[in-house]
PDB file of N, CA and C in Angstrom:
ATOM      1  N   MET A   1      91.772 117.900 122.050  1.00  0.00           N
ATOM      2  CA  MET A   1      92.221 116.490 122.322  1.00  0.00           C
ATOM      3  C   MET A   1      92.561 115.829 120.984  1.00  0.00           C
ATOM      4  N   GLU A   2      91.678 116.094 119.975  1.00  0.00           N
ATOM      5  CA  GLU A   2      91.901 115.425 118.681  1.00  0.00           C
ATOM      6  C   GLU A   2      93.208 115.883 118.083  1.00  0.00           C
ATOM      7  N   ARG A   3      93.507 117.260 118.249  1.00  0.00           N
ATOM      8  CA  ARG A   3      94.819 117.759 117.728  1.00  0.00           C
ATOM      9  C   ARG A   3      95.996 117.161 118.403  1.00  0.00           C
ATOM     10  N   ALA A   4      95.905 116.936 119.717  1.00  0.00           N
ATOM     11  CA  ALA A   4      96.968 116.465 120.487  1.00  0.00           C
ATOM     12  C   ALA A   4      97.178 114.928 120.089  1.00  0.00           C
ATOM     13  N   ARG A   5      96.073 114.228 119.876  1.00  0.00           N
ATOM     14  CA  ARG A   5      96.154 112.809 119.435  1.00  0.00           C
ATOM     15  C   ARG A   5      96.848 112.709 118.028  1.00  0.00           C
ATOM     16  N   ALA A   6      96.477 113.678 117.178  1.00  0.00           N
ATOM     17  CA  ALA A   6      97.032 113.630 115.846  1.00  0.00           C
ATOM     18  C   ALA A   6      98.505 113.994 115.898  1.00  0.00           C
ATOM     19  N   GLU A   7      98.910 114.885 116.722  1.00  0.00           N
ATOM     20  CA  GLU A   7     100.328 115.213 116.789  1.00  0.00           C
ATOM     21  C   GLU A   7     101.172 114.097 117.307  1.00  0.00           C
ATOM     22  N   VAL A   8     100.600 113.405 118.319  1.00  0.00           N
ATOM     23  CA  VAL A   8     101.291 112.194 118.832  1.00  0.00           C
ATOM     24  C   VAL A   8     101.453 111.194 117.845  1.00  0.00           C
ATOM     25  N   ARG A   9     100.358 110.882 117.086  1.00  0.00           N
ATOM     26  CA  ARG A   9     100.413 109.830 115.994  1.00  0.00           C
ATOM     27  C   ARG A   9     101.541 110.131 114.986  1.00  0.00           C
ATOM     28  N   VAL A  10     101.551 111.509 114.607  1.00  0.00           N
ATOM     29  CA  VAL A  10     102.526 111.853 113.601  1.00  0.00           C
ATOM     30  C   VAL A  10     103.940 111.751 114.124  1.00  0.00           C
ATOM     31  N   SER A  11     104.143 112.071 115.335  1.00  0.00           N
ATOM     32  CA  SER A  11     105.495 111.965 115.954  1.00  0.00           C
ATOM     33  C   SER A  11     105.865 110.523 116.083  1.00  0.00           C
ATOM     34  N   LEU A  12     104.958 109.716 116.430  1.00  0.00           N
ATOM     35  CA  LEU A  12     105.342 108.290 116.601  1.00  0.00           C
ATOM     36  C   LEU A  12     105.509 107.589 115.215  1.00  0.00           C
ATOM     37  N   GLY A  13     104.861 108.080 114.226  1.00  0.00           N
ATOM     38  CA  GLY A  13     104.900 107.417 112.915  1.00  0.00           C
ATOM     39  C   GLY A  13     106.059 107.915 112.049  1.00  0.00           C
ATOM     40  N   ARG A  14     106.884 108.917 112.503  1.00  0.00           N
ATOM     41  CA  ARG A  14     107.955 109.450 111.666  1.00  0.00           C
ATOM     42  C   ARG A  14     109.047 108.462 111.409  1.00  0.00           C
ATOM     43  N   GLY A  15     109.493 107.752 112.386  1.00  0.00           N
ATOM     44  CA  GLY A  15     110.528 106.787 112.176  1.00  0.00           C
ATOM     45  C   GLY A  15     110.064 105.526 111.410  1.00  0.00           C
ATOM     46  N   VAL A  16     108.831 105.277 111.433  1.00  0.00           N
ATOM     47  CA  VAL A  16     108.257 104.126 110.796  1.00  0.00           C
ATOM     48  C   VAL A  16     108.299 104.181 109.274  1.00  0.00           C
ATOM     49  N   VAL A  17     108.214 105.421 108.758  1.00  0.00           N
ATOM     50  CA  VAL A  17     108.227 105.640 107.320  1.00  0.00           C
ATOM     51  C   VAL A  17     109.571 105.155 106.699  1.00  0.00           C
ATOM     52  N   SER A  18     110.589 105.485 107.411  1.00  0.00           N
ATOM     53  CA  SER A  18     111.867 105.065 106.894  1.00  0.00           C
ATOM     54  C   SER A  18     112.063 103.549 106.728  1.00  0.00           C
ATOM     55  N   LEU A  19     111.401 102.811 107.625  1.00  0.00           N
ATOM     56  CA  LEU A  19     111.340 101.326 107.451  1.00  0.00           C
ATOM     57  C   LEU A  19     110.642 100.909 106.188  1.00  0.00           C
ATOM     58  N   THR A  20     109.695 101.661 105.817  1.00  0.00           N
ATOM     59  CA  THR A  20     109.016 101.385 104.592  1.00  0.00           C
ATOM     60  C   THR A  20     109.918 101.554 103.412  1.00  0.00           C
ATOM     61  N   CYS A  21     110.673 102.519 103.366  1.00  0.00           N
ATOM     62  CA  CYS A  21     111.670 102.722 102.292  1.00  0.00           C
ATOM     63  C   CYS A  21     112.696 101.632 102.261  1.00  0.00           C
ATOM     64  N   VAL A  22     113.191 101.213 103.353  1.00  0.00           N
ATOM     65  CA  VAL A  22     114.169 100.089 103.435  1.00  0.00           C
ATOM     66  C   VAL A  22     113.570  98.811 102.999  1.00  0.00           C
ATOM     67  N   ALA A  23     112.368  98.546 103.416  1.00  0.00           N
ATOM     68  CA  ALA A  23     111.603  97.365 103.087  1.00  0.00           C
ATOM     69  C   ALA A  23     111.289  97.289 101.598  1.00  0.00           C
ATOM     70  N   ALA A  24     111.118  98.419 100.926  1.00  0.00           N
ATOM     71  CA  ALA A  24     110.705  98.431  99.577  1.00  0.00           C
ATOM     72  C   ALA A  24     111.988  98.432  98.680  1.00  0.00           C
ATOM     73  N   THR A  25     113.055  99.077  99.044  1.00  0.00           N
ATOM     74  CA  THR A  25     114.152  99.152  98.173  1.00  0.00           C
ATOM     75  C   THR A  25     115.170  98.079  98.321  1.00  0.00           C
ATOM     76  N   ALA A  26     115.305  97.502  99.477  1.00  0.00           N
ATOM     77  CA  ALA A  26     116.330  96.460  99.587  1.00  0.00           C
ATOM     78  C   ALA A  26     116.157  95.276  98.737  1.00  0.00           C
ATOM     79  N   PRO A  27     114.909  94.654  98.658  1.00  0.00           N
ATOM     80  CA  PRO A  27     114.855  93.589  97.608  1.00  0.00           C
ATOM     81  C   PRO A  27     115.012  93.953  96.171  1.00  0.00           C
ATOM     82  N   LEU A  28     114.696  95.157  95.910  1.00  0.00           N
ATOM     83  CA  LEU A  28     114.831  95.639  94.477  1.00  0.00           C
ATOM     84  C   LEU A  28     116.338  95.823  94.101  1.00  0.00           C
ATOM     85  N   LEU A  29     117.104  96.355  95.124  1.00  0.00           N
ATOM     86  CA  LEU A  29     118.521  96.405  94.916  1.00  0.00           C
ATOM     87  C   LEU A  29     119.198  95.095  94.858  1.00  0.00           C
ATOM     88  N   GLY A  30     118.666  94.245  95.617  1.00  0.00           N
ATOM     89  CA  GLY A  30     119.165  92.859  95.605  1.00  0.00           C
ATOM     90  C   GLY A  30     118.943  92.201  94.165  1.00  0.00           C
ATOM     91  N   PHE A  31     117.756  92.383  93.622  1.00  0.00           N
ATOM     92  CA  PHE A  31     117.464  91.838  92.330  1.00  0.00           C
ATOM     93  C   PHE A  31     118.315  92.484  91.253  1.00  0.00           C
ATOM     94  N   LEU A  32     118.628  93.771  91.380  1.00  0.00           N
ATOM     95  CA  LEU A  32     119.392  94.483  90.483  1.00  0.00           C
ATOM     96  C   LEU A  32     120.838  93.871  90.486  1.00  0.00           C
ATOM     97  N   GLY A  33     121.307  93.689  91.708  1.00  0.00           N
ATOM     98  CA  GLY A  33     122.671  93.074  91.855  1.00  0.00           C
ATOM     99  C   GLY A  33     122.711  91.637  91.291  1.00  0.00           C
ATOM    100  N   GLY A  34     121.542  91.006  91.480  1.00  0.00           N
ATOM    101  CA  GLY A  34     121.454  89.600  90.921  1.00  0.00           C
ATOM    102  C   GLY A  34     121.512  89.616  89.349  1.00  0.00           C
ATOM    103  N   CYS A  35     120.831  90.536  88.759  1.00  0.00           N
ATOM    104  CA  CYS A  35     120.768  90.660  87.312  1.00  0.00           C
ATOM    105  C   CYS A  35     122.155  90.976  86.861  1.00  0.00           C
ATOM    106  N   ILE A  36     122.845  91.852  87.476  1.00  0.00           N
ATOM    107  CA  ILE A  36     124.263  92.249  87.085  1.00  0.00           C
ATOM    108  C   ILE A  36     125.111  91.071  87.179  1.00  0.00           C
ATOM    109  N   GLY A  37     125.033  90.293  88.214  1.00  0.00           N
ATOM    110  CA  GLY A  37     125.853  89.048  88.375  1.00  0.00           C
ATOM    111  C   GLY A  37     125.596  88.032  87.226  1.00  0.00           C
ATOM    112  N   ILE A  38     124.333  87.914  86.902  1.00  0.00           N
ATOM    113  CA  ILE A  38     123.987  86.856  85.913  1.00  0.00           C
ATOM    114  C   ILE A  38     124.445  87.365  84.551  1.00  0.00           C
ATOM    115  N   VAL A  39     124.357  88.638  84.266  1.00  0.00           N
ATOM    116  CA  VAL A  39     124.758  89.182  82.987  1.00  0.00           C
ATOM    117  C   VAL A  39     126.335  88.983  82.949  1.00  0.00           C
ATOM    118  N   ALA A  40     127.062  89.255  84.034  1.00  0.00           N
ATOM    119  CA  ALA A  40     128.440  88.987  84.053  1.00  0.00           C
ATOM    120  C   ALA A  40     128.828  87.579  83.847  1.00  0.00           C
ATOM    121  N   GLY A  41     128.031  86.724  84.388  1.00  0.00           N
ATOM    122  CA  GLY A  41     128.236  85.287  84.123  1.00  0.00           C
ATOM    123  C   GLY A  41     128.120  84.876  82.646  1.00  0.00           C
ATOM    124  N   PHE A  42     127.171  85.403  82.023  1.00  0.00           N
ATOM    125  CA  PHE A  42     126.941  85.164  80.533  1.00  0.00           C
ATOM    126  C   PHE A  42     127.951  85.793  79.709  1.00  0.00           C
ATOM    127  N   LYS A  43     128.545  86.943  80.154  1.00  0.00           N
ATOM    128  CA  LYS A  43     129.661  87.605  79.470  1.00  0.00           C
ATOM    129  C   LYS A  43     130.921  86.738  79.621  1.00  0.00           C
ATOM    130  N   GLY A  44     131.082  86.101  80.711  1.00  0.00           N
ATOM    131  CA  GLY A  44     132.237  85.232  80.917  1.00  0.00           C
ATOM    132  C   GLY A  44     132.081  84.000  79.990  1.00  0.00           C
ATOM    133  N   CYS A  45     130.905  83.659  79.626  1.00  0.00           N
ATOM    134  CA  CYS A  45     130.669  82.487  78.763  1.00  0.00           C
ATOM    135  C   CYS A  45     131.047  82.766  77.331  1.00  0.00           C
ATOM    136  N   ALA A  46     130.978  84.119  76.957  1.00  0.00           N
ATOM    137  CA  ALA A  46     131.240  84.533  75.540  1.00  0.00           C
ATOM    138  C   ALA A  46     132.622  84.259  75.093  1.00  0.00           C
ATOM    139  N   GLY A  47     133.596  84.320  75.904  1.00  0.00           N
ATOM    140  CA  GLY A  47     134.986  84.172  75.540  1.00  0.00           C
ATOM    141  C   GLY A  47     135.341  82.664  75.522  1.00  0.00           C
ATOM    142  N   GLU A  48     134.806  81.772  76.357  1.00  0.00           N
ATOM    143  CA  GLU A  48     135.224  80.403  76.508  1.00  0.00           C
ATOM    144  C   GLU A  48     134.093  79.570  76.025  1.00  0.00           C
ATOM    145  N   LYS A  49     134.232  78.812  75.011  1.00  0.00           N
ATOM    146  CA  LYS A  49     133.266  77.861  74.500  1.00  0.00           C
ATOM    147  C   LYS A  49     133.218  76.629  75.355  1.00  0.00           C
ATOM    148  N   THR A  50     134.422  76.159  75.896  1.00  0.00           N
ATOM    149  CA  THR A  50     134.437  74.906  76.545  1.00  0.00           C
ATOM    150  C   THR A  50     134.057  75.032  78.002  1.00  0.00           C
ATOM    151  N   ALA A  51     134.337  76.121  78.605  1.00  0.00           N
ATOM    152  CA  ALA A  51     134.098  76.292  79.971  1.00  0.00           C
ATOM    153  C   ALA A  51     132.821  77.229  80.180  1.00  0.00           C
ATOM    154  N   CYS A  52     131.930  77.153  79.276  1.00  0.00           N
ATOM    155  CA  CYS A  52     130.750  78.008  79.301  1.00  0.00           C
ATOM    156  C   CYS A  52     129.816  77.639  80.559  1.00  0.00           C
ATOM    157  N   MET A  53     129.587  76.380  80.839  1.00  0.00           N
ATOM    158  CA  MET A  53     128.834  76.087  81.906  1.00  0.00           C
ATOM    159  C   MET A  53     129.334  76.432  83.287  1.00  0.00           C
ATOM    160  N   ALA A  54     130.731  76.375  83.483  1.00  0.00           N
ATOM    161  CA  ALA A  54     131.310  76.746  84.619  1.00  0.00           C
ATOM    162  C   ALA A  54     131.229  78.238  84.879  1.00  0.00           C
ATOM    163  N   ALA A  55     131.448  78.977  83.819  1.00  0.00           N
ATOM    164  CA  ALA A  55     131.475  80.496  83.954  1.00  0.00           C
ATOM    165  C   ALA A  55     130.035  80.995  84.188  1.00  0.00           C
ATOM    166  N   THR A  56     129.018  80.328  83.553  1.00  0.00           N
ATOM    167  CA  THR A  56     127.620  80.674  83.835  1.00  0.00           C
ATOM    168  C   THR A  56     127.151  80.402  85.195  1.00  0.00           C
ATOM    169  N   ALA A  57     127.563  79.190  85.634  1.00  0.00           N
ATOM    170  CA  ALA A  57     127.189  78.764  87.011  1.00  0.00           C
ATOM    171  C   ALA A  57     127.846  79.723  88.070  1.00  0.00           C
ATOM    172  N   PHE A  58     129.076  80.075  87.849  1.00  0.00           N
ATOM    173  CA  PHE A  58     129.760  80.968  88.815  1.00  0.00           C
ATOM    174  C   PHE A  58     129.056  82.325  88.838  1.00  0.00           C
ATOM    175  N   GLY A  59     128.571  82.901  87.609  1.00  0.00           N
ATOM    176  CA  GLY A  59     127.972  84.128  87.501  1.00  0.00           C
ATOM    177  C   GLY A  59     126.615  84.067  88.215  1.00  0.00           C
ATOM    178  N   ILE A  60     125.845  83.012  87.981  1.00  0.00           N
ATOM    179  CA  ILE A  60     124.614  82.877  88.641  1.00  0.00           C
ATOM    180  C   ILE A  60     124.707  82.767  90.142  1.00  0.00           C
ATOM    181  N   GLY A  61     125.741  82.075  90.563  1.00  0.00           N
ATOM    182  CA  GLY A  61     126.029  81.938  92.008  1.00  0.00           C
ATOM    183  C   GLY A  61     126.412  83.325  92.597  1.00  0.00           C
ATOM    184  N   GLU A  62     127.178  84.083  91.907  1.00  0.00           N
ATOM    185  CA  GLU A  62     127.452  85.510  92.369  1.00  0.00           C
ATOM    186  C   GLU A  62     126.243  86.362  92.369  1.00  0.00           C
ATOM    187  N   GLY A  63     125.331  86.089  91.393  1.00  0.00           N
ATOM    188  CA  GLY A  63     124.100  86.902  91.307  1.00  0.00           C
ATOM    189  C   GLY A  63     123.105  86.610  92.362  1.00  0.00           C
ATOM    190  N   LEU A  64     123.147  85.357  92.884  1.00  0.00           N
ATOM    191  CA  LEU A  64     122.175  85.041  93.949  1.00  0.00           C
ATOM    192  C   LEU A  64     122.491  85.641  95.349  1.00  0.00           C
ATOM    193  N   MET A  65     123.700  85.994  95.534  1.00  0.00           N
ATOM    194  CA  MET A  65     124.153  86.621  96.866  1.00  0.00           C
ATOM    195  C   MET A  65     123.418  87.905  97.163  1.00  0.00           C
ATOM    196  N   PRO A  66     123.441  88.885  96.118  1.00  0.00           N
ATOM    197  CA  PRO A  66     122.802  90.181  96.422  1.00  0.00           C
ATOM    198  C   PRO A  66     121.279  89.962  96.623  1.00  0.00           C
ATOM    199  N   ILE A  67     120.692  89.014  95.860  1.00  0.00           N
ATOM    200  CA  ILE A  67     119.313  88.734  96.049  1.00  0.00           C
ATOM    201  C   ILE A  67     119.006  88.295  97.423  1.00  0.00           C
ATOM    202  N   ALA A  68     119.782  87.362  97.917  1.00  0.00           N
ATOM    203  CA  ALA A  68     119.622  86.946  99.273  1.00  0.00           C
ATOM    204  C   ALA A  68     119.788  87.985 100.365  1.00  0.00           C
ATOM    205  N   LEU A  69     120.761  88.747 100.085  1.00  0.00           N
ATOM    206  CA  LEU A  69     121.042  89.938 101.104  1.00  0.00           C
ATOM    207  C   LEU A  69     119.853  90.910 101.098  1.00  0.00           C
ATOM    208  N   GLY A  70     119.419  91.192  99.843  1.00  0.00           N
ATOM    209  CA  GLY A  70     118.302  92.163  99.709  1.00  0.00           C
ATOM    210  C   GLY A  70     117.037  91.621 100.390  1.00  0.00           C
ATOM    211  N   LEU A  71     116.730  90.362 100.222  1.00  0.00           N
ATOM    212  CA  LEU A  71     115.617  89.774 100.955  1.00  0.00           C
ATOM    213  C   LEU A  71     115.858  89.713 102.517  1.00  0.00           C
ATOM    214  N   ALA A  72     117.080  89.344 102.874  1.00  0.00           N
ATOM    215  CA  ALA A  72     117.354  89.282 104.299  1.00  0.00           C
ATOM    216  C   ALA A  72     117.232  90.581 104.987  1.00  0.00           C
ATOM    217  N   VAL A  73     117.426  91.736 104.267  1.00  0.00           N
ATOM    218  CA  VAL A  73     117.203  93.019 104.852  1.00  0.00           C
ATOM    219  C   VAL A  73     115.727  93.471 104.708  1.00  0.00           C
ATOM    220  N   GLY A  74     115.081  93.252 103.530  1.00  0.00           N
ATOM    221  CA  GLY A  74     113.833  93.716 103.264  1.00  0.00           C
ATOM    222  C   GLY A  74     112.665  93.134 104.041  1.00  0.00           C
ATOM    223  N   VAL A  75     112.717  91.721 104.116  1.00  0.00           N
ATOM    224  CA  VAL A  75     111.619  91.032 104.770  1.00  0.00           C
ATOM    225  C   VAL A  75     111.536  91.424 106.302  1.00  0.00           C
ATOM    226  N   PRO A  76     112.675  91.335 107.081  1.00  0.00           N
ATOM    227  CA  PRO A  76     112.493  91.738 108.537  1.00  0.00           C
ATOM    228  C   PRO A  76     112.140  93.219 108.618  1.00  0.00           C
ATOM    229  N   ALA A  77     112.651  94.103 107.732  1.00  0.00           N
ATOM    230  CA  ALA A  77     112.195  95.548 107.862  1.00  0.00           C
ATOM    231  C   ALA A  77     110.700  95.642 107.575  1.00  0.00           C
ATOM    232  N   TRP A  78     110.165  94.856 106.693  1.00  0.00           N
ATOM    233  CA  TRP A  78     108.680  94.878 106.502  1.00  0.00           C
ATOM    234  C   TRP A  78     107.987  94.463 107.710  1.00  0.00           C
ATOM    235  N   TRP A  79     108.510  93.378 108.327  1.00  0.00           N
ATOM    236  CA  TRP A  79     107.736  92.831 109.541  1.00  0.00           C
ATOM    237  C   TRP A  79     107.889  93.831 110.674  1.00  0.00           C
ATOM    238  N   VAL A  80     109.010  94.412 110.918  1.00  0.00           N
ATOM    239  CA  VAL A  80     109.091  95.486 111.943  1.00  0.00           C
ATOM    240  C   VAL A  80     108.240  96.637 111.675  1.00  0.00           C
ATOM    241  N   TYR A  81     108.109  97.047 110.354  1.00  0.00           N
ATOM    242  CA  TYR A  81     107.282  98.188 109.984  1.00  0.00           C
ATOM    243  C   TYR A  81     105.843  97.807 110.278  1.00  0.00           C
ATOM    244  N   ARG A  82     105.341  96.656 109.896  1.00  0.00           N
ATOM    245  CA  ARG A  82     103.953  96.206 110.219  1.00  0.00           C
ATOM    246  C   ARG A  82     103.633  96.192 111.679  1.00  0.00           C
ATOM    247  N   TYR A  83     104.616  95.740 112.524  1.00  0.00           N
ATOM    248  CA  TYR A  83     104.440  95.635 113.921  1.00  0.00           C
ATOM    249  C   TYR A  83     104.397  97.024 114.535  1.00  0.00           C
ATOM    250  N   LEU A  84     105.314  97.893 114.160  1.00  0.00           N
ATOM    251  CA  LEU A  84     105.332  99.220 114.763  1.00  0.00           C
ATOM    252  C   LEU A  84     104.102 100.024 114.258  1.00  0.00           C
ATOM    253  N   ASN A  85     103.686  99.838 113.064  1.00  0.00           N
ATOM    254  CA  ASN A  85     102.463 100.516 112.550  1.00  0.00           C
ATOM    255  C   ASN A  85     101.242 100.066 113.405  1.00  0.00           C
ATOM    256  N   ALA A  86     101.172  98.773 113.619  1.00  0.00           N
ATOM    257  CA  ALA A  86     100.024  98.256 114.410  1.00  0.00           C
ATOM    258  C   ALA A  86     100.058  98.824 115.869  1.00  0.00           C
ATOM    259  N   CYS A  87     101.295  98.986 116.479  1.00  0.00           N
ATOM    260  CA  CYS A  87     101.427  99.539 117.756  1.00  0.00           C
ATOM    261  C   CYS A  87     100.950 101.064 117.765  1.00  0.00           C
ATOM    262  N   VAL A  88     101.325 101.728 116.731  1.00  0.00           N
ATOM    263  CA  VAL A  88     100.899 103.208 116.690  1.00  0.00           C
ATOM    264  C   VAL A  88      99.417 103.240 116.443  1.00  0.00           C
ATOM    265  N   GLU A  89      98.830 102.388 115.713  1.00  0.00           N
ATOM    266  CA  GLU A  89      97.348 102.360 115.511  1.00  0.00           C
ATOM    267  C   GLU A  89      96.616 102.055 116.790  1.00  0.00           C
ATOM    268  N   GLU A  90      97.184 101.028 117.480  1.00  0.00           N
ATOM    269  CA  GLU A  90      96.554 100.695 118.806  1.00  0.00           C
ATOM    270  C   GLU A  90      96.729 101.790 119.781  1.00  0.00           C
ATOM    271  N   PHE A  91      97.813 102.515 119.869  1.00  0.00           N
ATOM    272  CA  PHE A  91      97.981 103.627 120.757  1.00  0.00           C
ATOM    273  C   PHE A  91      97.082 104.766 120.463  1.00  0.00           C
ATOM    274  N   GLY A  92      96.815 104.983 119.096  1.00  0.00           N
ATOM    275  CA  GLY A  92      95.829 105.967 118.675  1.00  0.00           C
ATOM    276  C   GLY A  92      94.478 105.717 119.160  1.00  0.00           C
ATOM    277  N   ALA A  93      94.199 104.407 119.089  1.00  0.00           N
ATOM    278  CA  ALA A  93      92.772 104.023 119.455  1.00  0.00           C
ATOM    279  C   ALA A  93      92.576 104.125 120.943  1.00  0.00           C
ATOM    280  N   GLU A  94      93.687 103.781 121.702  1.00  0.00           N
ATOM    281  CA  GLU A  94      93.581 103.988 123.201  1.00  0.00           C
ATOM    282  C   GLU A  94      93.482 105.453 123.538  1.00  0.00           C
ATOM    283  N   MET A  95      94.226 106.367 122.806  1.00  0.00           N
ATOM    284  CA  MET A  95      94.100 107.819 123.085  1.00  0.00           C
ATOM    285  C   MET A  95      92.681 108.316 122.810  1.00  0.00           C
ATOM    286  N   ALA A  96      92.058 107.808 121.714  1.00  0.00           N
ATOM    287  CA  ALA A  96      90.755 108.219 121.405  1.00  0.00           C
ATOM    288  C   ALA A  96      89.779 107.787 122.482  1.00  0.00           C
ATOM    289  N   GLY A  97      89.921 106.529 122.928  1.00  0.00           N
ATOM    290  CA  GLY A  97      89.144 106.123 124.060  1.00  0.00           C
ATOM    291  C   GLY A  97      89.224 106.879 125.288  1.00  0.00           C
ATOM    292  N   ALA A  98      90.517 107.233 125.659  1.00  0.00           N
ATOM    293  CA  ALA A  98      90.788 108.031 126.853  1.00  0.00           C
ATOM    294  C   ALA A  98      90.095 109.439 126.658  1.00  0.00           C
ATOM    295  N   ALA A  99      90.231 109.972 125.482  1.00  0.00           N
ATOM    296  CA  ALA A  99      89.686 111.352 125.140  1.00  0.00           C
ATOM    297  C   ALA A  99      88.123 111.341 125.394  1.00  0.00           C
ATOM    298  N   LEU A 100      87.495 110.258 124.888  1.00  0.00           N
ATOM    299  CA  LEU A 100      86.009 110.107 125.078  1.00  0.00           C
ATOM    300  C   LEU A 100      85.657 109.979 126.548  1.00  0.00           C
ATOM    301  N   LEU A 101      86.506 109.247 127.297  1.00  0.00           N
ATOM    302  CA  LEU A 101      86.262 108.972 128.735  1.00  0.00           C
ATOM    303  C   LEU A 101      86.392 110.363 129.416  1.00  0.00           C
ATOM    304  N   VAL A 102      87.426 111.183 129.057  1.00  0.00           N
ATOM    305  CA  VAL A 102      87.567 112.498 129.734  1.00  0.00           C
ATOM    306  C   VAL A 102      86.394 113.407 129.350  1.00  0.00           C
ATOM    307  N   LEU A 103      86.056 113.384 128.140  1.00  0.00           N
ATOM    308  CA  LEU A 103      84.917 114.253 127.702  1.00  0.00           C
ATOM    309  C   LEU A 103      83.598 113.882 128.387  1.00  0.00           C
ATOM    310  N   SER A 104      83.350 112.586 128.564  1.00  0.00           N
ATOM    311  CA  SER A 104      82.112 112.077 129.224  1.00  0.00           C
ATOM    312  C   SER A 104      82.156 112.548 130.766  1.00  0.00           C
ATOM    313  N   CYS A 105      83.258 112.469 131.323  1.00  0.00           N
ATOM    314  CA  CYS A 105      83.405 112.923 132.708  1.00  0.00           C
ATOM    315  C   CYS A 105      83.210 114.446 132.806  1.00  0.00           C
ATOM    316  N   VAL A 106      83.711 115.162 131.874  1.00  0.00           N
ATOM    317  CA  VAL A 106      83.532 116.627 131.972  1.00  0.00           C
ATOM    318  C   VAL A 106      82.034 116.980 131.739  1.00  0.00           C
ATOM    319  N   ARG A 107      81.422 116.236 130.800  1.00  0.00           N
ATOM    320  CA  ARG A 107      79.961 116.565 130.482  1.00  0.00           C
ATOM    321  C   ARG A 107      79.068 116.252 131.663  1.00  0.00           C
ATOM    322  N   VAL A 108      79.296 115.078 132.324  1.00  0.00           N
ATOM    323  CA  VAL A 108      78.506 114.742 133.517  1.00  0.00           C
ATOM    324  C   VAL A 108      78.577 115.723 134.581  1.00  0.00           C
ATOM    325  N   ARG A 109      79.755 116.234 134.825  1.00  0.00           N
ATOM    326  CA  ARG A 109      79.955 117.220 136.029  1.00  0.00           C
ATOM    327  C   ARG A 109      79.309 118.526 135.748  1.00  0.00           C
ATOM    328  N   ARG A 110      79.110 118.870 134.533  1.00  0.00           N
ATOM    329  CA  ARG A 110      78.489 120.278 134.347  1.00  0.00           C
ATOM    330  C   ARG A 110      77.175 120.321 134.813  1.00  0.00           C
TER     331      ARG A 110
END
């Protein structure tokens, strides 16, 4: 029964691990894109002395978009991961309780 419970927990938890990867990498990729956008904004500032503020503001604005997208993907993925992980843990506890109930019934009848 323990082996069957462990096999079921592993099979239920397989897809949940990919959510962890998405939740961990999406914000980091967003921040990378944000840094690239901000650096591009400062590079645009190097050529123009008079329009430096406009070029920098445009680059920072472009840099914030990947950050927002990364967080918009990563945060819900983390929430879904936590929810599904809790469901798998709860199901494992229910399976352990059912196994103990079956074993107690088998022992009483012997």
